[in-house]
Amino acid sequence: MSGPVADSASIPLSKASNPASSVTNVAGIEKLNDLVSWSRTDLAHLHGMGPRAIRILEEALRHHHLEFAAESRDLKSGELCHRV
C-alpha cells in the first residue's frame, strides 16, 4: 500500500521540540501509531509537552489519516486518563 496511510506504525514522530521529544520517549511514544491511544489533554499534562508540540503532532497524525484518542475520564476520580 502506498500513500500517507501506508504503515503508520513505523512512521517516526515529527521533531516537535527537544523537550517534547524527551517527553514522548519517556512516555513510550516512538511512532505516530503510538499517539492514537493518547488524547490531546493527556499529552498536554506531560511536563514539557506544549501547545506547539501537540499541534505539530496532530498535523502529522492528520497527514496519515490518524487522530488522537477521544477525551476520556476516569469514572471514579473524574480525572482525564490515558487509554492503553
Protein backbone atom coordinates (compact mmCIF):
# COMPACT_ATOMS: atom_id res chain seq x y z
CA MET A 1 0.00 0.00 0.00
CA SER A 2 1.28 3.46 -0.77
CA GLY A 3 0.34 6.96 0.31
CA PRO A 4 0.09 8.58 3.70
CA VAL A 5 -1.66 5.61 5.35
CA ALA A 6 0.96 3.09 4.18
CA ASP A 7 2.36 2.00 7.54
CA SER A 8 1.67 4.48 10.32
CA ALA A 9 3.04 2.05 12.89
CA SER A 10 6.54 2.57 11.53
CA ILE A 11 6.46 6.34 10.96
CA PRO A 12 8.76 8.12 13.40
CA LEU A 13 7.40 11.14 15.26
CA SER A 14 7.99 14.64 13.94
CA LYS A 15 10.66 16.55 15.79
CA ALA A 16 8.34 18.93 17.64
CA SER A 17 10.92 20.25 20.08
CA ASN A 18 13.69 18.85 22.25
CA PRO A 19 11.64 18.78 25.47
CA ALA A 20 8.66 17.25 23.65
CA SER A 21 10.90 14.58 22.09
CA SER A 22 12.22 13.69 25.53
CA VAL A 23 8.69 13.53 26.93
CA THR A 24 7.41 11.25 24.19
CA ASN A 25 10.41 8.95 24.59
CA VAL A 26 9.89 8.67 28.35
CA ALA A 27 6.16 8.04 27.81
CA GLY A 28 6.99 5.24 25.35
CA ILE A 29 5.70 7.14 22.32
CA GLU A 30 8.07 6.46 19.44
CA LYS A 31 5.86 6.18 16.35
CA LEU A 32 2.78 8.02 15.12
CA ASN A 33 0.65 4.95 15.77
CA ASP A 34 1.62 5.17 19.47
CA LEU A 35 -0.16 8.53 19.69
CA VAL A 36 -3.62 7.24 18.79
CA SER A 37 -4.20 6.00 22.33
CA TRP A 38 -3.42 9.45 23.80
CA SER A 39 -5.82 12.38 23.93
CA ARG A 40 -4.62 15.98 23.42
CA THR A 41 -5.38 16.73 27.07
CA ASP A 42 -3.45 13.73 28.38
CA LEU A 43 -0.42 14.73 26.29
CA ALA A 44 -0.70 18.33 27.46
CA HIS A 45 -0.45 17.15 31.07
CA LEU A 46 3.01 15.66 30.42
CA HIS A 47 5.74 18.02 31.64
CA GLY A 48 7.49 19.56 28.64
CA MET A 49 4.67 18.98 26.15
CA GLY A 50 3.37 22.34 24.99
CA PRO A 51 0.68 23.51 22.57
CA ARG A 52 3.13 23.89 19.67
CA ALA A 53 4.37 20.31 20.01
CA ILE A 54 0.83 18.98 20.22
CA ARG A 55 -0.14 20.99 17.12
CA ILE A 56 2.83 19.56 15.17
CA LEU A 57 1.99 16.00 16.24
CA GLU A 58 -1.67 16.49 15.38
CA GLU A 59 -0.74 17.72 11.88
CA ALA A 60 1.44 14.65 11.36
CA LEU A 61 -1.39 12.39 12.53
CA ARG A 62 -3.86 14.09 10.17
CA HIS A 63 -1.46 13.72 7.27
CA HIS A 64 -1.57 9.95 7.82
CA HIS A 65 -5.33 9.85 8.41
CA LEU A 66 -4.92 9.23 12.14
CA GLU A 67 -6.11 11.19 15.17
CA PHE A 68 -5.64 11.50 18.90
CA ALA A 69 -7.87 9.40 21.15
CA ALA A 70 -11.14 10.91 22.29
CA GLU A 71 -11.05 12.62 25.66
CA SER A 72 -11.83 10.14 28.43
CA ARG A 73 -12.43 10.47 32.12
CA ASP A 74 -11.72 8.10 34.96
CA LEU A 75 -15.19 7.27 36.26
CA LYS A 76 -14.15 7.27 39.94
CA SER A 77 -11.96 10.36 40.10
CA GLY A 78 -13.33 12.35 37.16
CA GLU A 79 -9.74 12.88 36.01
CA LEU A 80 -8.63 12.57 32.43
CA CYS A 81 -6.80 9.32 31.86
CA HIS A 82 -4.63 7.83 29.12
CA ARG A 83 -6.17 4.79 27.42
CA VAL A 84 -3.80 1.98 26.52
